[in-house]
Amino acid sequence: METNGNPEQAHSILLVDDEEVFRKRLAAALARRGFTVCEADNFEAAVRALLEHDPELALVDLRMPGRSGLELVAEAKRLRPAIRIVVLTGYGSIATASQAIKLGAMEYLPKPADVDEILRAFSPDRDLGLPAGPEDFAPPSLARVEWEHIQRVLADCGGNISEAARKLNIHRRSLQRKLFKFAPP
């Protein structure tokens, strides 16, 4: 768990995601926009951060090792009823989105999402002083969604290409060819 930014900033946010590179990049982007950022990579670290730092906002990954993001949403709302929570996930479904909202999340966003989309999800009434964005959501390209899914399955398989190919139900060589390509925009 780390904290970035200075204490005189207007808004505080807790980022909970087990993907360290993503979490660090997002934390840096939010700090540049004036947020005090607290990071956690699992349920237990997030609960400690909630109690120690009392953030106004929380961005919670749905799927993490150990207890899930849905469990964290429920616990965060129990500990800090006024906290505003957005769930961000690469593994979305209507059922989990509905469950997240029932547990107290304000919004449910699919990965990848940029910083402006995330901040708008926290502030539908623009009370965070954010510029108004486009009203329509531009979904990620199919190639981008495929790339993100492959990366997540590969990570779940500990980098084992053969095992990931089996889980994806594609030939190992096909997966290797896809991995040699750069991530699509």
Protein backbone atom coordinates (compact mmCIF):
# COMPACT_ATOMS: atom_id res chain seq x y z
CA MET A 1 0.00 0.00 0.00
CA GLU A 2 1.34 3.43 -0.90
CA THR A 3 0.12 6.99 -0.71
CA ASN A 4 0.93 9.60 -3.36
CA GLY A 5 0.23 13.31 -3.47
CA ASN A 6 0.03 15.81 -0.63
CA PRO A 7 -2.53 16.12 2.16
CA GLU A 8 -3.80 19.56 1.10
CA GLN A 9 -5.36 18.20 -2.08
CA ALA A 10 -9.12 18.35 -2.39
CA HIS A 11 -10.08 14.71 -2.99
CA SER A 12 -8.70 11.36 -1.85
CA ILE A 13 -9.04 8.07 -3.70
CA LEU A 14 -8.23 4.48 -2.89
CA LEU A 15 -7.08 2.36 -5.86
CA VAL A 16 -7.48 -1.37 -5.34
CA ASP A 17 -6.05 -3.53 -8.12
CA ASP A 18 -3.65 -6.47 -8.06
CA GLU A 19 -2.13 -5.45 -11.42
CA GLU A 20 0.74 -3.31 -10.16
CA VAL A 21 1.69 -1.63 -13.45
CA PHE A 22 -1.91 -0.55 -14.12
CA ARG A 23 -2.38 0.63 -10.53
CA LYS A 24 0.86 2.66 -10.51
CA ARG A 25 0.08 4.35 -13.84
CA LEU A 26 -3.43 5.23 -12.76
CA ALA A 27 -2.17 6.48 -9.37
CA ALA A 28 0.32 8.77 -11.12
CA ALA A 29 -2.35 10.10 -13.49
CA LEU A 30 -4.72 10.84 -10.61
CA ALA A 31 -1.98 12.49 -8.53
CA ARG A 32 -1.21 14.77 -11.49
CA ARG A 33 -4.88 15.81 -11.42
CA GLY A 34 -4.71 16.82 -7.79
CA PHE A 35 -5.91 13.70 -5.98
CA THR A 36 -4.37 12.19 -2.88
CA VAL A 37 -3.95 8.55 -3.90
CA CYS A 38 -3.77 5.50 -1.66
CA GLU A 39 -3.04 2.12 -3.23
CA ALA A 40 -3.85 -1.44 -2.21
CA ASP A 41 -3.43 -4.73 -4.04
CA ASN A 42 -5.89 -6.92 -2.13
CA PHE A 43 -8.89 -6.93 0.20
CA GLU A 44 -6.96 -6.80 3.47
CA ALA A 45 -4.68 -3.93 2.40
CA ALA A 46 -7.73 -2.04 1.12
CA VAL A 47 -9.57 -2.39 4.44
CA ARG A 48 -6.47 -1.11 6.28
CA ALA A 49 -6.30 1.86 3.89
CA LEU A 50 -10.00 2.62 4.42
CA LEU A 51 -9.50 2.73 8.17
CA GLU A 52 -6.20 4.65 8.10
CA HIS A 53 -6.82 7.17 5.31
CA ASP A 54 -10.63 7.51 5.10
CA PRO A 55 -10.69 8.16 1.33
CA GLU A 56 -13.69 9.84 -0.29
CA LEU A 57 -13.54 7.62 -3.38
CA ALA A 58 -12.53 4.04 -4.16
CA LEU A 59 -11.80 2.37 -7.48
CA VAL A 60 -12.05 -1.38 -6.94
CA ASP A 61 -10.96 -4.17 -9.26
CA LEU A 62 -13.49 -6.99 -9.28
CA ARG A 63 -11.11 -9.91 -9.54
CA MET A 64 -8.19 -10.13 -7.12
CA PRO A 65 -6.39 -12.92 -5.30
CA GLY A 66 -8.21 -13.80 -2.10
CA ARG A 67 -11.44 -11.98 -1.38
CA SER A 68 -13.21 -10.38 -4.33
CA GLY A 69 -13.90 -6.78 -5.21
CA LEU A 70 -17.60 -7.36 -4.54
CA GLU A 71 -16.78 -8.35 -0.97
CA LEU A 72 -14.66 -5.21 -0.69
CA VAL A 73 -17.51 -3.01 -1.95
CA ALA A 74 -19.78 -4.38 0.78
CA GLU A 75 -17.13 -3.99 3.49
CA ALA A 76 -16.16 -0.47 2.36
CA LYS A 77 -19.79 0.68 2.48
CA ARG A 78 -20.15 -0.88 5.94
CA LEU A 79 -17.00 0.87 7.22
CA ARG A 80 -17.45 4.16 5.34
CA PRO A 81 -21.09 4.58 4.25
CA ALA A 82 -20.39 7.87 2.43
CA ILE A 83 -17.55 6.53 0.26
CA ARG A 84 -18.20 6.64 -3.49
CA ILE A 85 -17.10 3.41 -5.20
CA VAL A 86 -16.59 2.52 -8.83
CA VAL A 87 -15.90 -1.09 -9.81
CA LEU A 88 -13.48 -1.60 -12.69
CA THR A 89 -12.98 -5.02 -14.24
CA GLY A 90 -11.70 -6.90 -17.23
CA TYR A 91 -14.22 -9.66 -16.51
CA GLY A 92 -17.58 -7.98 -16.64
CA SER A 93 -21.03 -9.48 -16.69
CA ILE A 94 -24.52 -8.16 -16.18
CA ALA A 95 -24.88 -10.25 -13.02
CA THR A 96 -21.72 -8.88 -11.37
CA ALA A 97 -22.53 -5.31 -12.47
CA SER A 98 -25.97 -5.63 -10.90
CA GLN A 99 -24.51 -7.11 -7.73
CA ALA A 100 -21.89 -4.32 -7.46
CA ILE A 101 -24.59 -1.65 -7.73
CA LYS A 102 -26.79 -3.42 -5.16
CA LEU A 103 -23.83 -3.53 -2.76
CA GLY A 104 -23.31 0.23 -3.09
CA ALA A 105 -21.04 0.90 -6.07
CA MET A 106 -21.95 4.01 -8.08
CA GLU A 107 -20.80 2.62 -11.40
CA TYR A 108 -19.32 -0.45 -13.05
CA LEU A 109 -16.73 0.13 -15.79
CA PRO A 110 -15.06 -2.35 -18.13
CA LYS A 111 -11.27 -2.36 -18.50
CA PRO A 112 -9.63 -0.69 -20.21
CA ALA A 113 -10.97 2.67 -19.08
CA ASP A 114 -9.11 5.95 -19.18
CA VAL A 115 -8.76 8.37 -16.27
CA ASP A 116 -11.43 10.74 -17.57
CA GLU A 117 -13.98 7.91 -17.89
CA ILE A 118 -13.18 6.78 -14.36
CA LEU A 119 -13.53 10.27 -12.91
CA ARG A 120 -16.81 10.86 -14.75
CA ALA A 121 -18.10 7.61 -13.25
CA PHE A 122 -17.47 9.04 -9.79
CA SER A 123 -19.00 12.36 -10.67
CA PRO A 124 -22.09 12.08 -12.86
CA ASP A 125 -23.18 15.49 -11.57
CA ARG A 126 -19.68 16.92 -12.22
CA ASP A 127 -19.17 17.85 -8.55
CA LEU A 128 -15.48 16.96 -8.77
CA GLY A 129 -14.97 19.89 -11.10
CA LEU A 130 -14.21 17.70 -14.09
CA PRO A 131 -14.80 18.87 -17.63
CA ALA A 132 -17.88 17.41 -19.24
CA GLY A 133 -17.00 14.56 -21.52
CA PRO A 134 -18.75 13.03 -24.48
CA GLU A 135 -22.15 11.69 -23.56
CA ASP A 136 -21.77 8.47 -25.49
CA PHE A 137 -19.38 5.76 -24.33
CA ALA A 138 -16.90 4.69 -26.98
CA PRO A 139 -16.40 0.98 -26.32
CA PRO A 140 -12.91 -0.45 -26.72
CA SER A 141 -12.11 -2.12 -30.02
CA LEU A 142 -12.60 -5.85 -30.33
CA ALA A 143 -8.84 -6.23 -30.81
CA ARG A 144 -8.20 -4.33 -27.55
CA VAL A 145 -10.70 -6.46 -25.61
CA GLU A 146 -9.12 -9.62 -27.03
CA TRP A 147 -5.63 -8.42 -26.08
CA GLU A 148 -6.71 -7.60 -22.51
CA HIS A 149 -8.43 -10.97 -22.14
CA ILE A 150 -5.38 -12.85 -23.41
CA GLN A 151 -3.10 -10.94 -21.03
CA ARG A 152 -5.35 -11.69 -18.05
CA VAL A 153 -5.62 -15.42 -18.87
CA LEU A 154 -1.86 -15.58 -19.42
CA ALA A 155 -1.27 -13.91 -16.05
CA ASP A 156 -3.71 -16.33 -14.40
CA CYS A 157 -1.66 -19.18 -15.89
CA GLY A 158 1.60 -17.80 -14.49
CA GLY A 159 2.87 -16.96 -17.97
CA ASN A 160 2.52 -20.56 -19.19
CA ILE A 161 1.59 -20.19 -22.87
CA SER A 162 0.52 -23.81 -23.32
CA GLU A 163 -1.83 -23.68 -20.35
CA ALA A 164 -3.23 -20.30 -21.43
CA ALA A 165 -3.83 -21.62 -24.95
CA ARG A 166 -5.78 -24.57 -23.50
CA LYS A 167 -7.92 -22.21 -21.38
CA LEU A 168 -8.51 -19.96 -24.38
CA ASN A 169 -9.29 -22.98 -26.56
CA ILE A 170 -6.81 -21.95 -29.26
CA HIS A 171 -3.65 -23.54 -30.61
CA ARG A 172 -0.45 -22.66 -28.76
CA ARG A 173 1.16 -21.26 -31.93
CA SER A 174 -1.88 -19.05 -32.58
CA LEU A 175 -1.54 -17.66 -29.09
CA GLN A 176 2.18 -17.07 -29.58
CA ARG A 177 1.47 -15.12 -32.80
CA LYS A 178 -1.07 -12.96 -30.97
CA LEU A 179 1.41 -12.30 -28.16
CA PHE A 180 4.08 -11.09 -30.60
CA LYS A 181 1.73 -8.33 -31.76
CA PHE A 182 1.65 -5.05 -29.87
CA ALA A 183 -1.36 -4.20 -27.77
CA PRO A 184 -3.98 -2.60 -30.01
CA PRO A 185 -5.18 0.97 -29.34
